[in-house]
Amino acid sequence: MVRHRTILITLLIFMMTVSLLAFALPKPVWAQTVQYHVEKEWVKIWINQDGTIDLQYNLRLVCDQGGFSYVFFDQPVGDFKLGEAVDTEGHALRFEDATQGSDYKVRVYLNQPISAGQAAEFFATTNVGHMIWEDQTNPGNVGLQFIPSTWSSASGQIGNLRILIILPNGVTKDQVKVTPNWDNAYNDPNENGKLTIYWERQNLDPKTRFQVGISFPKNFVQHYEPLQPTQPTQGFALPIPLLTVSLAIVAVAGVVVLRNLRPRNYLSPKIQMETLGIRRGLTAVEAAYLLGITPVKDIVMILYGLLLKRAVWVKSTKPSLTLQVMDSTWTELAKSSPSTQVAASPQDGLRYYEYDFVRAIKGDGTLDEKSLAEAFMRVRSTVEGKLKGYCRADTISFYKKTIQEAWDAVQKAGTPELASKLFDQNLLWLMTGPEFKTQTENTFQTTTFIPQPIWWWYWYGDASYHPNPTYNPVSGKGLPPPTIPGAEFSNLVATSIEKSANNIVVSLEKFTNSILPAPPPSENMSKTPVHHEANCACACVSCACVCACVSCACACASGGGVG
């Protein structure tokens, strides 16, 4: 007993000694709170003739406490491509896209971690699309607005901020309007004599959003983003679609008019990404095209939407799909134009592509391949039209998030009944995602699926599970369908989609050949940067030093930081 007590006392003394030593010894730098400041933020923009920009950051960060191994900072929009990142000693650095949702960022990993008292300096270049916009204030001009990355987590001021914009070849000083007034404008011999505009600021708060804008004749770029057509109001056009008339819009318009009454030598802030951004309001079928779904699957989604609305019914599936159009649908088709959205039943309405699909149904119930191809092409052209003036990359991210939110709702449902109902309601959005089959398996593997009484898929897709359904949605008679075990339901999902895709047309080749090639995508989408030099040196022309490098960001998100 005494021996045990002695051992316990010895262990206690040892543990106390270790704790005291750990408290007394200096803590490792990585355990301390990281503090840093931005010594210089030099940003440089080349405006390319194709309407993209090459964007280069030259950053020097000083570690004041703790340590970090990478730096992240903003990009103006989601449509950017990585170039290269190098430090001032010539080391190629790991450079990656760190975007999360609509927070567009890149991350640069240092050649080696730094700690308190050390500094890291590097260059990073990207190419950014959809940054040159039509300037309504200066007719015949296009322009660019941007804000360098902010640093809300920095513990000190930005010592030196420099912004340099290199305009396309041929632009002259008298053709350019800027805001704020430039600190210098000159033709740089290191850039083949191109006009270069320069701003510089010292000792800025790290949260400062220093916005600059530049406008120049549009004939110097091949592509730019047109502003949405608007209705005239007192002789001028608003920069955003006139969706509603409100006091807020009238107030903003009044301010714009008053400001434009005075002569100005700078760009009115109408060319900004915040005015458009995400194109909301697309249907699941339209979003499916945007997300790259195949034409056949997009047509299948239109069919499923019609089945869910009880506008059509599947009579047979072999050798090809044969459909029956409901009488109420024919009635509405007879009195409505193809583009009109009207009710096919008291609860639901048909969309333009659903009308096109119904008109593709021949007298014998089969489908005309050419007409289906035209239905798909109309979806394509409609979506492309709706995207004009909006950021494609932002819109794609938004609808990917929409799909995930639909799955989250189904998966978090508390009962099989609620999960089944949400699955039915969100079916078209769920189908749009690339992991539809896997997500369905994961969601229903431990539960059952409870079909709605008018559920079409049960009857069409599950001939092996229940070959003779006792309920027919066409007549509205019979008993409700039984529940389906989760594992069998997952297989049913895959089988039904595959069957629909294979049997929707007699000749898939004819359908495919009837789809005309899409117009080439806008050439002002991002591409690999053409400027790679890590050099902010420039010729001093009638000024002190006019070296800089230009940042991004009309739409700065949460700013830069370290880690």
Foldseek 3Di string as FASTA:
>chain_A
DVVVVVVVVVVVVVVVVVVVVVVPDDDAQQPDDWAKAWQEWFAAWEQDQLRKIKIKTKTKMATATRKFFKKKWAFAFQQKDWAWKAWPVGDTWDKAWPDDQGQTMIMTTFPGMDGHPDMTIMMTIMMFFQAWEAAQLDPQKIKGKFWFFFAVRHPFFHAKYKYKYFYFPPFDPVQKFKPPDFPDWFQFVVVVRTIMTMHMDGGHHRRDGDMMMMMGGPVSHDDHFYADDEDDDPHGGARAHCPDDDPVVVVVVVVVVVVSVDDGRHGDPSSFQVRAAALDDDDLLLLLVLLPNDLLLSLVLLVLVCLLLVQKAFPDPPPFTFIGGAPLNVVCLVVDDLQDWDRSDPPHTDHSLNSLQVVQQDPRRAGDLLSSLVSSVVSVVVSVVSCRNYDSSSHNSVLVVVLVVLLVQLQPDDDLVSNLVSCSVCVSSLSSDPCNLVSLCVRQVPHKHADDQSRRLCQQQPCPVPVDDQADNSVRDGDRDGIGRSVVVSVSVVRSSVSCSVRNHPDPVVNVVSNDDDDDPSSSRYDHDPDDDPDQATDDDPDDGRTGHHRHHSPNDPGMDGD
